[in-house]
Amino acid sequence: MSVGDRVYNVLIINCEFSTKTGLARKPTARSFAEAGGLMSYGPSPTERDRQAGIYAARILKSEKQTADALGINVPATLRAQANEDN
């Protein structure tokens, strides 16, 4: 099954859900709108992943108010490796 087929199948499931429940659905993936859905609204997957990488690097480097604020203990050896890859 291709990606297009999977998107279409999920679109059909969303439409059936909306019809049965009377509730509107708003998918976040652009592919749903491209497959015939009314609209989609959400972050760019590329930008979302880029931001996740930035935050992960900040946590691994034990940047002030990231790892500590989240209660994450980052071992010194892992911090050293993260700081080497600037």
PDB file of N, CA and C in Angstrom:
ATOM      1  N   MET A   1       0.850  -1.181   0.000  1.00  0.00           N
ATOM      2  CA  MET A   1       0.000   0.000   0.000  1.00  0.00           C
ATOM      3  C   MET A   1       0.892   1.239   0.000  1.00  0.00           C
ATOM      4  N   SER A   2       0.625   2.145  -0.898  1.00  0.00           N
ATOM      5  CA  SER A   2       1.439   3.353  -0.998  1.00  0.00           C
ATOM      6  C   SER A   2       1.049   4.358   0.076  1.00  0.00           C
ATOM      7  N   VAL A   3       1.898   5.364   0.253  1.00  0.00           N
ATOM      8  CA  VAL A   3       1.606   6.432   1.211  1.00  0.00           C
ATOM      9  C   VAL A   3       0.299   7.123   0.831  1.00  0.00           C
ATOM     10  N   GLY A   4       0.114   7.358  -0.449  1.00  0.00           N
ATOM     11  CA  GLY A   4      -1.125   7.989  -0.914  1.00  0.00           C
ATOM     12  C   GLY A   4      -2.355   7.174  -0.555  1.00  0.00           C
ATOM     13  N   ASP A   5      -2.248   5.848  -0.693  1.00  0.00           N
ATOM     14  CA  ASP A   5      -3.365   4.970  -0.329  1.00  0.00           C
ATOM     15  C   ASP A   5      -3.653   5.036   1.165  1.00  0.00           C
ATOM     16  N   ARG A   6      -2.591   5.072   1.965  1.00  0.00           N
ATOM     17  CA  ARG A   6      -2.787   5.146   3.421  1.00  0.00           C
ATOM     18  C   ARG A   6      -3.439   6.466   3.810  1.00  0.00           C
ATOM     19  N   VAL A   7      -2.973   7.553   3.209  1.00  0.00           N
ATOM     20  CA  VAL A   7      -3.562   8.867   3.486  1.00  0.00           C
ATOM     21  C   VAL A   7      -5.031   8.864   3.092  1.00  0.00           C
ATOM     22  N   TYR A   8      -5.330   8.316   1.927  1.00  0.00           N
ATOM     23  CA  TYR A   8      -6.715   8.263   1.464  1.00  0.00           C
ATOM     24  C   TYR A   8      -7.572   7.441   2.434  1.00  0.00           C
ATOM     25  N   ASN A   9      -7.056   6.291   2.901  1.00  0.00           N
ATOM     26  CA  ASN A   9      -7.801   5.459   3.840  1.00  0.00           C
ATOM     27  C   ASN A   9      -8.080   6.197   5.139  1.00  0.00           C
ATOM     28  N   VAL A  10      -7.105   6.920   5.652  1.00  0.00           N
ATOM     29  CA  VAL A  10      -7.305   7.684   6.884  1.00  0.00           C
ATOM     30  C   VAL A  10      -8.296   8.815   6.638  1.00  0.00           C
ATOM     31  N   LEU A  11      -8.237   9.420   5.457  1.00  0.00           N
ATOM     32  CA  LEU A  11      -9.189  10.473   5.107  1.00  0.00           C
ATOM     33  C   LEU A  11     -10.610   9.918   5.128  1.00  0.00           C
ATOM     34  N   ILE A  12     -10.805   8.727   4.571  1.00  0.00           N
ATOM     35  CA  ILE A  12     -12.124   8.088   4.573  1.00  0.00           C
ATOM     36  C   ILE A  12     -12.579   7.822   6.006  1.00  0.00           C
ATOM     37  N   ILE A  13     -11.672   7.327   6.845  1.00  0.00           N
ATOM     38  CA  ILE A  13     -12.005   7.060   8.254  1.00  0.00           C
ATOM     39  C   ILE A  13     -12.416   8.360   8.938  1.00  0.00           C
ATOM     40  N   ASN A  14     -11.690   9.453   8.686  1.00  0.00           N
ATOM     41  CA  ASN A  14     -12.041  10.750   9.271  1.00  0.00           C
ATOM     42  C   ASN A  14     -13.419  11.209   8.804  1.00  0.00           C
ATOM     43  N   CYS A  15     -13.700  11.032   7.522  1.00  0.00           N
ATOM     44  CA  CYS A  15     -15.005  11.443   6.996  1.00  0.00           C
ATOM     45  C   CYS A  15     -16.128  10.608   7.608  1.00  0.00           C
ATOM     46  N   GLU A  16     -15.909   9.308   7.733  1.00  0.00           N
ATOM     47  CA  GLU A  16     -16.923   8.441   8.345  1.00  0.00           C
ATOM     48  C   GLU A  16     -17.165   8.822   9.799  1.00  0.00           C
ATOM     49  N   PHE A  17     -16.081   9.134  10.512  1.00  0.00           N
ATOM     50  CA  PHE A  17     -16.207   9.562  11.900  1.00  0.00           C
ATOM     51  C   PHE A  17     -17.047  10.831  11.992  1.00  0.00           C
ATOM     52  N   SER A  18     -16.743  11.796  11.139  1.00  0.00           N
ATOM     53  CA  SER A  18     -17.471  13.067  11.151  1.00  0.00           C
ATOM     54  C   SER A  18     -18.945  12.860  10.836  1.00  0.00           C
ATOM     55  N   THR A  19     -19.218  11.988   9.874  1.00  0.00           N
ATOM     56  CA  THR A  19     -20.605  11.726   9.490  1.00  0.00           C
ATOM     57  C   THR A  19     -21.375  11.063  10.634  1.00  0.00           C
ATOM     58  N   LYS A  20     -20.753  10.089  11.286  1.00  0.00           N
ATOM     59  CA  LYS A  20     -21.427   9.358  12.366  1.00  0.00           C
ATOM     60  C   LYS A  20     -21.628  10.189  13.621  1.00  0.00           C
ATOM     61  N   THR A  21     -20.645  11.017  13.950  1.00  0.00           N
ATOM     62  CA  THR A  21     -20.689  11.736  15.223  1.00  0.00           C
ATOM     63  C   THR A  21     -21.163  13.176  15.096  1.00  0.00           C
ATOM     64  N   GLY A  22     -21.129  13.715  13.896  1.00  0.00           N
ATOM     65  CA  GLY A  22     -21.471  15.118  13.702  1.00  0.00           C
ATOM     66  C   GLY A  22     -20.354  16.058  14.138  1.00  0.00           C
ATOM     67  N   LEU A  23     -19.198  15.513  14.414  1.00  0.00           N
ATOM     68  CA  LEU A  23     -18.050  16.317  14.829  1.00  0.00           C
ATOM     69  C   LEU A  23     -17.103  16.525  13.653  1.00  0.00           C
ATOM     70  N   ALA A  24     -16.647  17.736  13.506  1.00  0.00           N
ATOM     71  CA  ALA A  24     -15.701  18.036  12.423  1.00  0.00           C
ATOM     72  C   ALA A  24     -14.311  17.549  12.799  1.00  0.00           C
ATOM     73  N   ARG A  25     -13.552  17.169  11.808  1.00  0.00           N
ATOM     74  CA  ARG A  25     -12.163  16.750  12.004  1.00  0.00           C
ATOM     75  C   ARG A  25     -11.260  17.723  11.272  1.00  0.00           C
ATOM     76  N   LYS A  26     -10.127  18.039  11.877  1.00  0.00           N
ATOM     77  CA  LYS A  26      -9.163  18.932  11.257  1.00  0.00           C
ATOM     78  C   LYS A  26      -7.792  18.266  11.335  1.00  0.00           C
ATOM     79  N   PRO A  27      -7.424  17.493  10.332  1.00  0.00           N
ATOM     80  CA  PRO A  27      -6.108  16.845  10.350  1.00  0.00           C
ATOM     81  C   PRO A  27      -4.983  17.880  10.302  1.00  0.00           C
ATOM     82  N   THR A  28      -3.844  17.517  10.852  1.00  0.00           N
ATOM     83  CA  THR A  28      -2.702  18.437  10.844  1.00  0.00           C
ATOM     84  C   THR A  28      -1.780  18.213   9.655  1.00  0.00           C
ATOM     85  N   ALA A  29      -1.874  17.077   9.001  1.00  0.00           N
ATOM     86  CA  ALA A  29      -0.975  16.778   7.880  1.00  0.00           C
ATOM     87  C   ALA A  29      -1.503  17.366   6.577  1.00  0.00           C
ATOM     88  N   ARG A  30      -0.644  18.039   5.862  1.00  0.00           N
ATOM     89  CA  ARG A  30      -1.003  18.661   4.588  1.00  0.00           C
ATOM     90  C   ARG A  30      -1.521  17.633   3.588  1.00  0.00           C
ATOM     91  N   SER A  31      -1.016  16.415   3.691  1.00  0.00           N
ATOM     92  CA  SER A  31      -1.409  15.377   2.741  1.00  0.00           C
ATOM     93  C   SER A  31      -2.904  15.086   2.789  1.00  0.00           C
ATOM     94  N   PHE A  32      -3.548  15.337   3.920  1.00  0.00           N
ATOM     95  CA  PHE A  32      -4.991  15.099   3.998  1.00  0.00           C
ATOM     96  C   PHE A  32      -5.741  16.083   3.096  1.00  0.00           C
ATOM     97  N   ALA A  33      -5.339  17.339   3.122  1.00  0.00           N
ATOM     98  CA  ALA A  33      -5.973  18.327   2.245  1.00  0.00           C
ATOM     99  C   ALA A  33      -5.662  18.009   0.785  1.00  0.00           C
ATOM    100  N   GLU A  34      -4.442  17.585   0.521  1.00  0.00           N
ATOM    101  CA  GLU A  34      -4.055  17.241  -0.850  1.00  0.00           C
ATOM    102  C   GLU A  34      -4.838  16.042  -1.365  1.00  0.00           C
ATOM    103  N   ALA A  35      -5.269  15.160  -0.435  1.00  0.00           N
ATOM    104  CA  ALA A  35      -6.018  13.965  -0.829  1.00  0.00           C
ATOM    105  C   ALA A  35      -7.514  14.235  -0.955  1.00  0.00           C
ATOM    106  N   GLY A  36      -7.937  15.489  -0.711  1.00  0.00           N
ATOM    107  CA  GLY A  36      -9.344  15.815  -0.900  1.00  0.00           C
ATOM    108  C   GLY A  36     -10.039  16.344   0.334  1.00  0.00           C
ATOM    109  N   GLY A  37      -9.352  16.400   1.464  1.00  0.00           N
ATOM    110  CA  GLY A  37      -9.948  16.950   2.672  1.00  0.00           C
ATOM    111  C   GLY A  37     -10.160  18.447   2.530  1.00  0.00           C
ATOM    112  N   LEU A  38     -11.056  18.984   3.336  1.00  0.00           N
ATOM    113  CA  LEU A  38     -11.370  20.402   3.252  1.00  0.00           C
ATOM    114  C   LEU A  38     -10.160  21.266   3.582  1.00  0.00           C
ATOM    115  N   MET A  39      -9.452  20.907   4.635  1.00  0.00           N
ATOM    116  CA  MET A  39      -8.292  21.707   5.048  1.00  0.00           C
ATOM    117  C   MET A  39      -7.440  20.900   6.014  1.00  0.00           C
ATOM    118  N   SER A  40      -6.260  21.388   6.257  1.00  0.00           N
ATOM    119  CA  SER A  40      -5.408  20.871   7.327  1.00  0.00           C
ATOM    120  C   SER A  40      -4.727  22.076   7.951  1.00  0.00           C
ATOM    121  N   TYR A  41      -4.379  21.932   9.198  1.00  0.00           N
ATOM    122  CA  TYR A  41      -3.699  23.040   9.870  1.00  0.00           C
ATOM    123  C   TYR A  41      -2.756  22.448  10.901  1.00  0.00           C
ATOM    124  N   GLY A  42      -1.499  22.770  10.793  1.00  0.00           N
ATOM    125  CA  GLY A  42      -0.527  22.248  11.742  1.00  0.00           C
ATOM    126  C   GLY A  42       0.869  22.692  11.373  1.00  0.00           C
ATOM    127  N   PRO A  43       1.824  22.319  12.199  1.00  0.00           N
ATOM    128  CA  PRO A  43       3.202  22.733  11.956  1.00  0.00           C
ATOM    129  C   PRO A  43       3.808  21.981  10.778  1.00  0.00           C
ATOM    130  N   SER A  44       4.794  22.596  10.187  1.00  0.00           N
ATOM    131  CA  SER A  44       5.574  21.920   9.161  1.00  0.00           C
ATOM    132  C   SER A  44       6.350  20.792   9.833  1.00  0.00           C
ATOM    133  N   PRO A  45       6.254  19.554   9.323  1.00  0.00           N
ATOM    134  CA  PRO A  45       7.008  18.458   9.939  1.00  0.00           C
ATOM    135  C   PRO A  45       8.510  18.741   9.984  1.00  0.00           C
ATOM    136  N   THR A  46       9.037  19.391   8.959  1.00  0.00           N
ATOM    137  CA  THR A  46      10.466  19.718   8.928  1.00  0.00           C
ATOM    138  C   THR A  46      10.819  20.682  10.048  1.00  0.00           C
ATOM    139  N   GLU A  47      10.026  21.728  10.216  1.00  0.00           N
ATOM    140  CA  GLU A  47      10.287  22.716  11.266  1.00  0.00           C
ATOM    141  C   GLU A  47      10.085  22.098  12.645  1.00  0.00           C
ATOM    142  N   ARG A  48       9.049  21.276  12.796  1.00  0.00           N
ATOM    143  CA  ARG A  48       8.798  20.602  14.078  1.00  0.00           C
ATOM    144  C   ARG A  48       9.993  19.737  14.473  1.00  0.00           C
ATOM    145  N   ASP A  49      10.515  18.967  13.531  1.00  0.00           N
ATOM    146  CA  ASP A  49      11.659  18.097  13.822  1.00  0.00           C
ATOM    147  C   ASP A  49      12.916  18.905  14.109  1.00  0.00           C
ATOM    148  N   ARG A  50      13.095  20.014  13.399  1.00  0.00           N
ATOM    149  CA  ARG A  50      14.253  20.878  13.644  1.00  0.00           C
ATOM    150  C   ARG A  50      14.210  21.440  15.061  1.00  0.00           C
ATOM    151  N   GLN A  51      13.046  21.914  15.483  1.00  0.00           N
ATOM    152  CA  GLN A  51      12.900  22.462  16.832  1.00  0.00           C
ATOM    153  C   GLN A  51      13.121  21.377  17.889  1.00  0.00           C
ATOM    154  N   ALA A  52      12.630  20.162  17.634  1.00  0.00           N
ATOM    155  CA  ALA A  52      12.844  19.062  18.571  1.00  0.00           C
ATOM    156  C   ALA A  52      14.330  18.779  18.739  1.00  0.00           C
ATOM    157  N   GLY A  53      15.073  18.818  17.634  1.00  0.00           N
ATOM    158  CA  GLY A  53      16.521  18.613  17.700  1.00  0.00           C
ATOM    159  C   GLY A  53      17.224  19.690  18.505  1.00  0.00           C
ATOM    160  N   ILE A  54      16.778  20.933  18.329  1.00  0.00           N
ATOM    161  CA  ILE A  54      17.376  22.039  19.091  1.00  0.00           C
ATOM    162  C   ILE A  54      17.146  21.841  20.579  1.00  0.00           C
ATOM    163  N   TYR A  55      15.918  21.493  20.955  1.00  0.00           N
ATOM    164  CA  TYR A  55      15.626  21.293  22.378  1.00  0.00           C
ATOM    165  C   TYR A  55      16.358  20.087  22.945  1.00  0.00           C
ATOM    166  N   ALA A  56      16.464  19.018  22.156  1.00  0.00           N
ATOM    167  CA  ALA A  56      17.198  17.839  22.625  1.00  0.00           C
ATOM    168  C   ALA A  56      18.659  18.190  22.872  1.00  0.00           C
ATOM    169  N   ALA A  57      19.260  18.965  21.976  1.00  0.00           N
ATOM    170  CA  ALA A  57      20.656  19.373  22.161  1.00  0.00           C
ATOM    171  C   ALA A  57      20.813  20.233  23.406  1.00  0.00           C
ATOM    172  N   ARG A  58      19.860  21.138  23.639  1.00  0.00           N
ATOM    173  CA  ARG A  58      19.928  21.986  24.835  1.00  0.00           C
ATOM    174  C   ARG A  58      19.847  21.147  26.107  1.00  0.00           C
ATOM    175  N   ILE A  59      18.987  20.141  26.100  1.00  0.00           N
ATOM    176  CA  ILE A  59      18.848  19.279  27.274  1.00  0.00           C
ATOM    177  C   ILE A  59      20.119  18.469  27.477  1.00  0.00           C
ATOM    178  N   LEU A  60      20.642  17.874  26.396  1.00  0.00           N
ATOM    179  CA  LEU A  60      21.848  17.054  26.519  1.00  0.00           C
ATOM    180  C   LEU A  60      23.056  17.862  26.974  1.00  0.00           C
ATOM    181  N   LYS A  61      23.093  19.134  26.601  1.00  0.00           N
ATOM    182  CA  LYS A  61      24.203  19.992  27.023  1.00  0.00           C
ATOM    183  C   LYS A  61      23.971  20.564  28.421  1.00  0.00           C
ATOM    184  N   SER A  62      22.853  20.165  29.033  1.00  0.00           N
ATOM    185  CA  SER A  62      22.481  20.645  30.366  1.00  0.00           C
ATOM    186  C   SER A  62      22.425  22.157  30.435  1.00  0.00           C
ATOM    187  N   GLU A  63      21.901  22.758  29.383  1.00  0.00           N
ATOM    188  CA  GLU A  63      21.724  24.202  29.368  1.00  0.00           C
ATOM    189  C   GLU A  63      20.869  24.595  30.574  1.00  0.00           C
ATOM    190  N   LYS A  64      21.202  25.737  31.150  1.00  0.00           N
ATOM    191  CA  LYS A  64      20.494  26.212  32.333  1.00  0.00           C
ATOM    192  C   LYS A  64      18.983  26.196  32.082  1.00  0.00           C
ATOM    193  N   GLN A  65      18.249  25.676  33.014  1.00  0.00           N
ATOM    194  CA  GLN A  65      16.788  25.636  33.018  1.00  0.00           C
ATOM    195  C   GLN A  65      16.205  24.733  31.950  1.00  0.00           C
ATOM    196  N   THR A  66      16.930  23.737  31.499  1.00  0.00           N
ATOM    197  CA  THR A  66      16.300  22.764  30.607  1.00  0.00           C
ATOM    198  C   THR A  66      16.275  21.415  31.297  1.00  0.00           C
ATOM    199  N   ALA A  67      17.421  20.738  31.368  1.00  0.00           N
ATOM    200  CA  ALA A  67      17.458  19.423  32.000  1.00  0.00           C
ATOM    201  C   ALA A  67      17.051  19.520  33.474  1.00  0.00           C
ATOM    202  N   ASP A  68      17.576  20.508  34.184  1.00  0.00           N
ATOM    203  CA  ASP A  68      17.236  20.655  35.601  1.00  0.00           C
ATOM    204  C   ASP A  68      15.751  20.935  35.793  1.00  0.00           C
ATOM    205  N   ALA A  69      15.207  21.814  34.969  1.00  0.00           N
ATOM    206  CA  ALA A  69      13.789  22.161  35.093  1.00  0.00           C
ATOM    207  C   ALA A  69      12.896  20.962  34.804  1.00  0.00           C
ATOM    208  N   LEU A  70      13.357  20.072  33.933  1.00  0.00           N
ATOM    209  CA  LEU A  70      12.580  18.882  33.604  1.00  0.00           C
ATOM    210  C   LEU A  70      12.876  17.721  34.543  1.00  0.00           C
ATOM    211  N   GLY A  71      13.822  17.907  35.455  1.00  0.00           N
ATOM    212  CA  GLY A  71      14.179  16.843  36.388  1.00  0.00           C
ATOM    213  C   GLY A  71      14.963  15.714  35.738  1.00  0.00           C
ATOM    214  N   ILE A  72      15.708  16.039  34.687  1.00  0.00           N
ATOM    215  CA  ILE A  72      16.494  15.033  33.969  1.00  0.00           C
ATOM    216  C   ILE A  72      17.938  15.134  34.407  1.00  0.00           C
ATOM    217  N   ASN A  73      18.498  14.006  34.827  1.00  0.00           N
ATOM    218  CA  ASN A  73      19.900  13.955  35.217  1.00  0.00           C
ATOM    219  C   ASN A  73      20.705  13.455  34.021  1.00  0.00           C
ATOM    220  N   VAL A  74      21.480  14.331  33.422  1.00  0.00           N
ATOM    221  CA  VAL A  74      22.291  13.973  32.253  1.00  0.00           C
ATOM    222  C   VAL A  74      23.694  13.643  32.729  1.00  0.00           C
ATOM    223  N   PRO A  75      24.150  12.395  32.515  1.00  0.00           N
ATOM    224  CA  PRO A  75      25.489  12.011  32.954  1.00  0.00           C
ATOM    225  C   PRO A  75      26.561  12.895  32.314  1.00  0.00           C
ATOM    226  N   ALA A  76      27.633  13.127  33.062  1.00  0.00           N
ATOM    227  CA  ALA A  76      28.719  13.998  32.600  1.00  0.00           C
ATOM    228  C   ALA A  76      29.318  13.510  31.282  1.00  0.00           C
ATOM    229  N   THR A  77      29.424  12.202  31.100  1.00  0.00           N
ATOM    230  CA  THR A  77      30.007  11.677  29.858  1.00  0.00           C
ATOM    231  C   THR A  77      29.129  12.012  28.654  1.00  0.00           C
ATOM    232  N   LEU A  78      27.818  11.944  28.833  1.00  0.00           N
ATOM    233  CA  LEU A  78      26.908  12.283  27.738  1.00  0.00           C
ATOM    234  C   LEU A  78      26.936  13.791  27.460  1.00  0.00           C
ATOM    235  N   ARG A  79      27.014  14.604  28.509  1.00  0.00           N
ATOM    236  CA  ARG A  79      27.126  16.055  28.332  1.00  0.00           C
ATOM    237  C   ARG A  79      28.379  16.401  27.554  1.00  0.00           C
ATOM    238  N   ALA A  80      29.483  15.733  27.875  1.00  0.00           N
ATOM    239  CA  ALA A  80      30.748  16.011  27.199  1.00  0.00           C
ATOM    240  C   ALA A  80      30.644  15.677  25.706  1.00  0.00           C
ATOM    241  N   GLN A  81      29.998  14.570  25.375  1.00  0.00           N
ATOM    242  CA  GLN A  81      29.824  14.196  23.975  1.00  0.00           C
ATOM    243  C   GLN A  81      28.926  15.194  23.245  1.00  0.00           C
ATOM    244  N   ALA A  82      27.874  15.660  23.893  1.00  0.00           N
ATOM    245  CA  ALA A  82      26.968  16.631  23.283  1.00  0.00           C
ATOM    246  C   ALA A  82      27.682  17.941  23.034  1.00  0.00           C
ATOM    247  N   ASN A  83      28.546  18.353  23.942  1.00  0.00           N
ATOM    248  CA  ASN A  83      29.252  19.623  23.797  1.00  0.00           C
ATOM    249  C   ASN A  83      30.334  19.547  22.704  1.00  0.00           C
ATOM    250  N   GLU A  84      30.836  18.355  22.406  1.00  0.00           N
ATOM    251  CA  GLU A  84      31.844  18.213  21.372  1.00  0.00           C
ATOM    252  C   GLU A  84      31.264  18.396  19.981  1.00  0.00           C
ATOM    253  N   ASP A  85      29.961  18.135  19.813  1.00  0.00           N
ATOM    254  CA  ASP A  85      29.351  18.144  18.483  1.00  0.00           C
ATOM    255  C   ASP A  85      28.751  19.492  18.095  1.00  0.00           C
ATOM    256  N   ASN A  86      29.028  20.540  18.839  1.00  0.00           N
ATOM    257  CA  ASN A  86      28.440  21.849  18.558  1.00  0.00           C
ATOM    258  C   ASN A  86      28.111  21.929  17.121  1.00  0.00           C
TER     259      ASN A  86
END
